[in-house]
Amino acid sequence: MITAVVLGIGVMGLVSLYGTAGRGVTVSRDQTSALELARQRLERLSTASVDDLPACGGPPSCRQNLSTFANPKGAVGTYPCTQFVDGMDGTAPAVGQASGRFRIDTSIDVPSGSAQQAGALVVTVSVCWSEDGRTIRQLALERMLVPEV
């Protein structure tokens, strides 16, 4: 009898641990995907001339707080300043369509403070996703681009 109780407690602990490990794998996969999406977007923008960058203004964030997405940014010409994608392959349902697992926001602005340099721009790529249907996670990468002299 005592053996059955101890064995039952051990099995319940293993089941709980399995669920926790599964959630940890999902969180890690989402963070890795978001980092890769932001890195790809930032690299693509970094290869363009500073003069050819889209004028994506606005705050460099895709969320207002932990539970609310910021308003989507519009497109500049054919460039979507806010884009919704399904995964790391960057497959986009449609420009400005609020669907897809990840939301990528691009913000391009003049640097402020001591970082000012003539013609330089700061590119911020933010990737947001809903982790559990309630909490919005965000990852952001930033790079200063300076025109060639």
N, C-alpha and C. Protein backbone atom coordinates (compact mmCIF):
# COMPACT_ATOMS: atom_id res chain seq x y z
N MET A 1 0.82 -1.20 0.00
CA MET A 1 0.00 0.00 0.00
C MET A 1 0.86 1.27 0.00
N ILE A 2 1.83 1.32 0.91
CA ILE A 2 2.70 2.49 1.00
C ILE A 2 3.50 2.64 -0.31
N THR A 3 3.92 1.53 -0.86
CA THR A 3 4.68 1.56 -2.12
C THR A 3 3.83 2.16 -3.24
N ALA A 4 2.55 1.80 -3.29
CA ALA A 4 1.66 2.32 -4.32
C ALA A 4 1.47 3.84 -4.18
N VAL A 5 1.38 4.33 -2.94
CA VAL A 5 1.22 5.76 -2.70
C VAL A 5 2.49 6.51 -3.14
N VAL A 6 3.64 6.00 -2.75
CA VAL A 6 4.91 6.63 -3.12
C VAL A 6 5.07 6.61 -4.64
N LEU A 7 4.76 5.50 -5.27
CA LEU A 7 4.84 5.39 -6.73
C LEU A 7 3.87 6.36 -7.40
N GLY A 8 2.66 6.49 -6.86
CA GLY A 8 1.66 7.42 -7.41
C GLY A 8 2.13 8.86 -7.32
N ILE A 9 2.71 9.24 -6.19
CA ILE A 9 3.23 10.61 -6.03
C ILE A 9 4.37 10.86 -7.03
N GLY A 10 5.24 9.89 -7.20
CA GLY A 10 6.34 10.01 -8.15
C GLY A 10 5.84 10.18 -9.58
N VAL A 11 4.83 9.42 -9.98
CA VAL A 11 4.26 9.51 -11.33
C VAL A 11 3.60 10.87 -11.53
N MET A 12 2.87 11.36 -10.51
CA MET A 12 2.25 12.69 -10.63
C MET A 12 3.32 13.78 -10.78
N GLY A 13 4.42 13.65 -10.08
CA GLY A 13 5.51 14.61 -10.21
C GLY A 13 6.11 14.59 -11.61
N LEU A 14 6.27 13.41 -12.17
CA LEU A 14 6.82 13.30 -13.53
C LEU A 14 5.87 13.89 -14.57
N VAL A 15 4.58 13.69 -14.40
CA VAL A 15 3.60 14.26 -15.33
C VAL A 15 3.64 15.78 -15.26
N SER A 16 3.73 16.34 -14.07
CA SER A 16 3.82 17.79 -13.90
C SER A 16 5.09 18.32 -14.54
N LEU A 17 6.20 17.63 -14.33
CA LEU A 17 7.48 18.04 -14.91
C LEU A 17 7.43 18.00 -16.43
N TYR A 18 6.76 17.02 -17.00
CA TYR A 18 6.63 16.90 -18.44
C TYR A 18 5.89 18.12 -19.02
N GLY A 19 4.81 18.55 -18.36
CA GLY A 19 4.06 19.72 -18.82
C GLY A 19 4.88 20.99 -18.75
N THR A 20 5.63 21.15 -17.67
CA THR A 20 6.49 22.32 -17.51
C THR A 20 7.58 22.34 -18.58
N ALA A 21 8.18 21.19 -18.84
CA ALA A 21 9.22 21.10 -19.86
C ALA A 21 8.66 21.43 -21.24
N GLY A 22 7.45 20.97 -21.52
CA GLY A 22 6.81 21.26 -22.81
C GLY A 22 6.58 22.75 -23.00
N ARG A 23 6.13 23.44 -21.96
CA ARG A 23 5.93 24.89 -22.04
C ARG A 23 7.26 25.61 -22.24
N GLY A 24 8.30 25.13 -21.57
CA GLY A 24 9.62 25.73 -21.72
C GLY A 24 10.15 25.59 -23.14
N VAL A 25 9.90 24.44 -23.76
CA VAL A 25 10.33 24.24 -25.15
C VAL A 25 9.58 25.19 -26.08
N THR A 26 8.29 25.38 -25.84
CA THR A 26 7.49 26.29 -26.67
C THR A 26 7.98 27.73 -26.54
N VAL A 27 8.24 28.18 -25.32
CA VAL A 27 8.74 29.53 -25.10
C VAL A 27 10.08 29.72 -25.79
N SER A 28 10.96 28.76 -25.65
CA SER A 28 12.27 28.83 -26.28
C SER A 28 12.16 28.87 -27.80
N ARG A 29 11.29 28.07 -28.37
CA ARG A 29 11.09 28.05 -29.82
C ARG A 29 10.57 29.40 -30.31
N ASP A 30 9.62 29.98 -29.58
CA ASP A 30 9.06 31.29 -29.97
C ASP A 30 10.13 32.38 -29.89
N GLN A 31 10.94 32.37 -28.85
CA GLN A 31 11.99 33.39 -28.71
C GLN A 31 13.03 33.24 -29.82
N THR A 32 13.38 32.01 -30.15
CA THR A 32 14.35 31.78 -31.23
C THR A 32 13.78 32.24 -32.56
N SER A 33 12.52 31.95 -32.82
CA SER A 33 11.88 32.38 -34.06
C SER A 33 11.83 33.90 -34.14
N ALA A 34 11.46 34.56 -33.04
CA ALA A 34 11.38 36.02 -33.02
C ALA A 34 12.75 36.64 -33.26
N LEU A 35 13.77 36.11 -32.64
CA LEU A 35 15.12 36.63 -32.83
C LEU A 35 15.56 36.48 -34.28
N GLU A 36 15.28 35.34 -34.89
CA GLU A 36 15.67 35.12 -36.28
C GLU A 36 14.89 36.04 -37.23
N LEU A 37 13.60 36.24 -36.97
CA LEU A 37 12.81 37.16 -37.80
C LEU A 37 13.36 38.58 -37.71
N ALA A 38 13.67 39.04 -36.50
CA ALA A 38 14.20 40.39 -36.31
C ALA A 38 15.57 40.52 -36.97
N ARG A 39 16.40 39.51 -36.80
CA ARG A 39 17.74 39.54 -37.39
C ARG A 39 17.67 39.60 -38.92
N GLN A 40 16.80 38.78 -39.51
CA GLN A 40 16.65 38.77 -40.97
C GLN A 40 16.18 40.13 -41.49
N ARG A 41 15.19 40.70 -40.82
CA ARG A 41 14.67 42.00 -41.25
C ARG A 41 15.74 43.08 -41.13
N LEU A 42 16.46 43.09 -40.02
CA LEU A 42 17.50 44.10 -39.79
C LEU A 42 18.63 43.94 -40.80
N GLU A 43 19.03 42.72 -41.11
CA GLU A 43 20.08 42.50 -42.11
C GLU A 43 19.63 42.97 -43.48
N ARG A 44 18.39 42.68 -43.83
CA ARG A 44 17.87 43.10 -45.14
C ARG A 44 17.87 44.63 -45.24
N LEU A 45 17.46 45.31 -44.18
CA LEU A 45 17.45 46.77 -44.19
C LEU A 45 18.87 47.35 -44.17
N SER A 46 19.79 46.66 -43.53
CA SER A 46 21.17 47.15 -43.42
C SER A 46 21.90 47.11 -44.75
N THR A 47 21.44 46.31 -45.67
CA THR A 47 22.11 46.23 -46.98
C THR A 47 21.66 47.35 -47.91
N ALA A 48 20.59 48.04 -47.55
CA ALA A 48 20.09 49.15 -48.38
C ALA A 48 20.86 50.42 -48.07
N SER A 49 20.88 51.31 -49.03
CA SER A 49 21.47 52.63 -48.82
C SER A 49 20.60 53.38 -47.81
N VAL A 50 21.20 54.22 -46.99
CA VAL A 50 20.45 55.01 -46.01
C VAL A 50 19.37 55.83 -46.71
N ASP A 51 19.68 56.32 -47.91
CA ASP A 51 18.72 57.13 -48.66
C ASP A 51 17.53 56.32 -49.17
N ASP A 52 17.68 55.00 -49.28
CA ASP A 52 16.62 54.14 -49.81
C ASP A 52 15.76 53.49 -48.74
N LEU A 53 16.05 53.76 -47.47
CA LEU A 53 15.27 53.14 -46.39
C LEU A 53 13.86 53.72 -46.34
N PRO A 54 12.86 52.89 -46.05
CA PRO A 54 11.49 53.42 -45.94
C PRO A 54 11.35 54.34 -44.73
N ALA A 55 10.46 55.28 -44.81
CA ALA A 55 10.25 56.25 -43.73
C ALA A 55 9.23 55.71 -42.73
N CYS A 56 9.57 54.59 -42.09
CA CYS A 56 8.69 53.99 -41.08
C CYS A 56 8.91 54.71 -39.76
N GLY A 57 8.00 55.61 -39.42
CA GLY A 57 8.13 56.36 -38.18
C GLY A 57 7.34 55.72 -37.06
N GLY A 58 7.20 56.47 -36.02
CA GLY A 58 6.42 56.01 -34.88
C GLY A 58 7.26 55.32 -33.83
N PRO A 59 6.62 54.93 -32.74
CA PRO A 59 7.36 54.31 -31.64
C PRO A 59 7.98 52.98 -32.06
N PRO A 60 9.17 52.68 -31.55
CA PRO A 60 9.86 51.45 -31.94
C PRO A 60 9.41 50.24 -31.13
N SER A 61 8.12 50.03 -31.06
CA SER A 61 7.58 48.92 -30.28
C SER A 61 6.30 48.41 -30.92
N CYS A 62 6.06 47.12 -30.83
CA CYS A 62 4.83 46.56 -31.38
C CYS A 62 3.81 46.26 -30.29
N ARG A 63 4.11 46.61 -29.05
CA ARG A 63 3.14 46.44 -27.98
C ARG A 63 3.05 47.70 -27.14
N GLN A 64 1.86 47.92 -26.59
CA GLN A 64 1.68 49.06 -25.68
C GLN A 64 2.04 48.66 -24.27
N ASN A 65 1.65 47.45 -23.89
CA ASN A 65 1.95 46.91 -22.57
C ASN A 65 1.95 45.39 -22.67
N LEU A 66 1.99 44.70 -21.56
CA LEU A 66 2.09 43.24 -21.58
C LEU A 66 0.86 42.53 -22.13
N SER A 67 -0.24 43.26 -22.30
CA SER A 67 -1.45 42.59 -22.78
C SER A 67 -2.10 43.26 -23.99
N THR A 68 -1.48 44.32 -24.53
CA THR A 68 -2.08 45.06 -25.64
C THR A 68 -1.05 45.34 -26.73
N PHE A 69 -1.40 44.97 -27.96
CA PHE A 69 -0.55 45.32 -29.10
C PHE A 69 -0.71 46.81 -29.40
N ALA A 70 0.34 47.43 -29.90
CA ALA A 70 0.26 48.81 -30.37
C ALA A 70 -0.51 48.82 -31.69
N ASN A 71 -0.99 50.00 -32.09
CA ASN A 71 -1.67 50.11 -33.39
C ASN A 71 -0.68 49.77 -34.49
N PRO A 72 -1.13 49.02 -35.50
CA PRO A 72 -0.22 48.68 -36.61
C PRO A 72 0.22 49.93 -37.37
N LYS A 73 1.43 49.88 -37.88
CA LYS A 73 1.95 50.97 -38.71
C LYS A 73 1.52 50.71 -40.14
N GLY A 74 1.40 51.76 -40.90
CA GLY A 74 1.02 51.61 -42.30
C GLY A 74 2.21 51.22 -43.16
N ALA A 75 1.94 51.06 -44.43
CA ALA A 75 3.00 50.76 -45.39
C ALA A 75 3.57 52.06 -45.93
N VAL A 76 4.84 52.04 -46.29
CA VAL A 76 5.49 53.16 -46.97
C VAL A 76 5.82 52.64 -48.37
N GLY A 77 5.05 53.11 -49.33
CA GLY A 77 5.17 52.55 -50.68
C GLY A 77 4.76 51.09 -50.64
N THR A 78 5.66 50.21 -51.02
CA THR A 78 5.37 48.78 -50.98
C THR A 78 5.96 48.11 -49.74
N TYR A 79 6.63 48.89 -48.88
CA TYR A 79 7.26 48.32 -47.70
C TYR A 79 6.29 48.32 -46.52
N PRO A 80 5.99 47.14 -45.96
CA PRO A 80 5.10 47.08 -44.80
C PRO A 80 5.85 47.39 -43.50
N CYS A 81 5.56 48.52 -42.88
CA CYS A 81 6.21 48.86 -41.62
C CYS A 81 5.73 47.95 -40.49
N THR A 82 4.53 47.40 -40.62
CA THR A 82 4.04 46.35 -39.74
C THR A 82 3.69 45.18 -40.63
N GLN A 83 4.20 44.01 -40.26
CA GLN A 83 3.93 42.82 -41.05
C GLN A 83 3.63 41.67 -40.10
N PHE A 84 2.68 40.84 -40.49
CA PHE A 84 2.32 39.65 -39.72
C PHE A 84 2.82 38.43 -40.48
N VAL A 85 3.55 37.57 -39.80
CA VAL A 85 4.11 36.38 -40.43
C VAL A 85 3.78 35.16 -39.58
N ASP A 86 3.83 34.01 -40.23
CA ASP A 86 3.50 32.77 -39.54
C ASP A 86 4.68 32.12 -38.84
N GLY A 87 5.87 32.35 -39.34
CA GLY A 87 7.02 31.70 -38.71
C GLY A 87 8.33 32.23 -39.25
N MET A 88 9.40 31.47 -39.00
CA MET A 88 10.74 31.93 -39.35
C MET A 88 10.95 32.04 -40.85
N ASP A 89 10.14 31.39 -41.65
CA ASP A 89 10.32 31.52 -43.09
C ASP A 89 9.82 32.88 -43.58
N GLY A 90 9.16 33.64 -42.70
CA GLY A 90 8.71 34.99 -43.05
C GLY A 90 7.50 35.01 -43.95
N THR A 91 6.79 33.89 -44.06
CA THR A 91 5.60 33.84 -44.89
C THR A 91 4.57 34.81 -44.37
N ALA A 92 4.17 35.72 -45.21
CA ALA A 92 3.24 36.78 -44.79
C ALA A 92 1.84 36.49 -45.31
N PRO A 93 0.84 36.48 -44.42
CA PRO A 93 -0.54 36.33 -44.90
C PRO A 93 -0.93 37.48 -45.83
N ALA A 94 -0.68 38.71 -45.43
CA ALA A 94 -0.95 39.88 -46.26
C ALA A 94 -0.44 41.11 -45.53
N VAL A 95 -0.06 42.11 -46.29
CA VAL A 95 0.41 43.35 -45.69
C VAL A 95 -0.70 43.97 -44.86
N GLY A 96 -0.40 44.28 -43.60
CA GLY A 96 -1.37 44.94 -42.73
C GLY A 96 -2.46 44.04 -42.19
N GLN A 97 -2.52 42.79 -42.64
CA GLN A 97 -3.56 41.88 -42.15
C GLN A 97 -3.15 41.39 -40.76
N ALA A 98 -4.04 41.53 -39.81
CA ALA A 98 -3.73 41.19 -38.42
C ALA A 98 -3.89 39.70 -38.17
N SER A 99 -3.07 38.91 -38.84
CA SER A 99 -3.05 37.48 -38.58
C SER A 99 -1.62 37.01 -38.74
N GLY A 100 -1.35 35.83 -38.30
CA GLY A 100 0.01 35.31 -38.31
C GLY A 100 0.51 35.23 -36.88
N ARG A 101 1.40 34.32 -36.63
CA ARG A 101 1.89 34.06 -35.27
C ARG A 101 2.70 35.24 -34.72
N PHE A 102 3.49 35.88 -35.58
CA PHE A 102 4.38 36.95 -35.15
C PHE A 102 4.04 38.26 -35.85
N ARG A 103 4.23 39.34 -35.13
CA ARG A 103 4.06 40.68 -35.69
C ARG A 103 5.43 41.35 -35.70
N ILE A 104 5.83 41.87 -36.87
CA ILE A 104 7.13 42.53 -37.01
C ILE A 104 6.87 44.01 -37.31
N ASP A 105 7.40 44.88 -36.47
CA ASP A 105 7.30 46.32 -36.67
C ASP A 105 8.68 46.89 -36.94
N THR A 106 8.76 47.76 -37.92
CA THR A 106 10.01 48.43 -38.26
C THR A 106 9.85 49.91 -37.98
N SER A 107 10.83 50.48 -37.29
CA SER A 107 10.84 51.91 -37.02
C SER A 107 12.20 52.45 -37.43
N ILE A 108 12.19 53.52 -38.21
CA ILE A 108 13.43 54.13 -38.68
C ILE A 108 13.38 55.60 -38.29
N ASP A 109 14.39 56.03 -37.52
CA ASP A 109 14.36 57.38 -36.98
C ASP A 109 15.78 57.95 -36.92
N VAL A 110 15.86 59.25 -36.72
CA VAL A 110 17.13 59.93 -36.55
C VAL A 110 17.60 59.67 -35.12
N PRO A 111 18.88 59.34 -34.92
CA PRO A 111 19.36 59.11 -33.55
C PRO A 111 19.30 60.38 -32.72
N SER A 112 19.11 60.21 -31.42
CA SER A 112 19.03 61.37 -30.54
C SER A 112 20.24 61.42 -29.62
N GLY A 113 20.43 62.54 -29.00
CA GLY A 113 21.49 62.69 -28.01
C GLY A 113 22.88 62.66 -28.60
N SER A 114 23.81 62.07 -27.85
CA SER A 114 25.21 62.08 -28.23
C SER A 114 25.52 61.17 -29.42
N ALA A 115 24.54 60.35 -29.84
CA ALA A 115 24.77 59.41 -30.94
C ALA A 115 24.53 60.05 -32.30
N GLN A 116 24.27 61.36 -32.34
CA GLN A 116 23.96 62.00 -33.62
C GLN A 116 25.17 62.03 -34.53
N GLN A 117 24.92 61.69 -35.79
CA GLN A 117 25.92 61.77 -36.83
C GLN A 117 25.17 62.15 -38.11
N ALA A 118 25.75 63.01 -38.91
CA ALA A 118 25.07 63.51 -40.10
C ALA A 118 24.59 62.37 -40.99
N GLY A 119 23.29 62.37 -41.26
CA GLY A 119 22.70 61.40 -42.16
C GLY A 119 22.45 60.02 -41.56
N ALA A 120 22.82 59.81 -40.32
CA ALA A 120 22.65 58.50 -39.69
C ALA A 120 21.19 58.25 -39.34
N LEU A 121 20.80 57.00 -39.35
CA LEU A 121 19.46 56.59 -38.95
C LEU A 121 19.55 55.39 -38.02
N VAL A 122 18.61 55.32 -37.10
CA VAL A 122 18.51 54.16 -36.21
C VAL A 122 17.34 53.31 -36.69
N VAL A 123 17.64 52.05 -36.97
CA VAL A 123 16.61 51.11 -37.41
C VAL A 123 16.31 50.18 -36.23
N THR A 124 15.04 50.12 -35.84
CA THR A 124 14.61 49.22 -34.78
C THR A 124 13.60 48.25 -35.35
N VAL A 125 13.85 46.97 -35.14
CA VAL A 125 12.91 45.93 -35.58
C VAL A 125 12.40 45.26 -34.31
N SER A 126 11.09 45.33 -34.10
CA SER A 126 10.44 44.71 -32.95
C SER A 126 9.59 43.55 -33.43
N VAL A 127 9.69 42.44 -32.73
CA VAL A 127 8.85 41.27 -33.04
C VAL A 127 8.03 40.96 -31.79
N CYS A 128 6.72 40.87 -31.97
CA CYS A 128 5.82 40.56 -30.86
C CYS A 128 5.03 39.29 -31.17
N TRP A 129 4.65 38.60 -30.12
CA TRP A 129 3.80 37.42 -30.25
C TRP A 129 3.08 37.22 -28.93
N SER A 130 1.96 36.54 -29.01
CA SER A 130 1.18 36.25 -27.81
C SER A 130 1.60 34.88 -27.30
N GLU A 131 2.10 34.87 -26.09
CA GLU A 131 2.64 33.63 -25.54
C GLU A 131 1.55 32.67 -25.08
N ASP A 132 0.55 33.16 -24.42
CA ASP A 132 -0.47 32.28 -23.86
C ASP A 132 -1.88 32.80 -24.13
N GLY A 133 -2.00 33.66 -25.13
CA GLY A 133 -3.29 34.27 -25.43
C GLY A 133 -3.57 35.51 -24.60
N ARG A 134 -2.73 35.77 -23.60
CA ARG A 134 -2.91 36.95 -22.75
C ARG A 134 -1.66 37.81 -22.71
N THR A 135 -0.50 37.21 -22.55
CA THR A 135 0.75 37.94 -22.40
C THR A 135 1.41 38.15 -23.75
N ILE A 136 1.73 39.40 -24.06
CA ILE A 136 2.41 39.73 -25.31
C ILE A 136 3.89 39.88 -25.02
N ARG A 137 4.68 39.09 -25.69
CA ARG A 137 6.13 39.15 -25.55
C ARG A 137 6.70 39.99 -26.69
N GLN A 138 7.83 40.63 -26.43
CA GLN A 138 8.46 41.46 -27.45
C GLN A 138 9.97 41.27 -27.41
N LEU A 139 10.54 41.22 -28.59
CA LEU A 139 11.98 41.19 -28.76
C LEU A 139 12.32 42.29 -29.75
N ALA A 140 13.34 43.10 -29.47
CA ALA A 140 13.69 44.21 -30.37
C ALA A 140 15.20 44.23 -30.61
N LEU A 141 15.56 44.46 -31.87
CA LEU A 141 16.95 44.66 -32.25
C LEU A 141 17.07 46.05 -32.86
N GLU A 142 18.21 46.68 -32.62
CA GLU A 142 18.41 48.04 -33.09
C GLU A 142 19.80 48.16 -33.70
N ARG A 143 19.88 48.94 -34.77
CA ARG A 143 21.17 49.17 -35.43
C ARG A 143 21.21 50.58 -35.97
N MET A 144 22.37 51.24 -35.81
CA MET A 144 22.54 52.56 -36.39
C MET A 144 23.19 52.38 -37.77
N LEU A 145 22.58 53.01 -38.76
CA LEU A 145 23.11 52.97 -40.12
C LEU A 145 23.63 54.36 -40.47
N VAL A 146 24.85 54.39 -40.97
CA VAL A 146 25.52 55.63 -41.29
C VAL A 146 25.80 55.64 -42.78
N PRO A 147 25.49 56.76 -43.47
CA PRO A 147 25.76 56.80 -44.92
C PRO A 147 27.26 56.74 -45.19
N GLU A 148 27.57 56.15 -46.33
CA GLU A 148 28.97 56.09 -46.73
C GLU A 148 29.47 57.49 -47.07
N VAL A 149 30.72 57.74 -46.78
CA VAL A 149 31.29 59.07 -47.06
C VAL A 149 32.21 59.02 -48.25
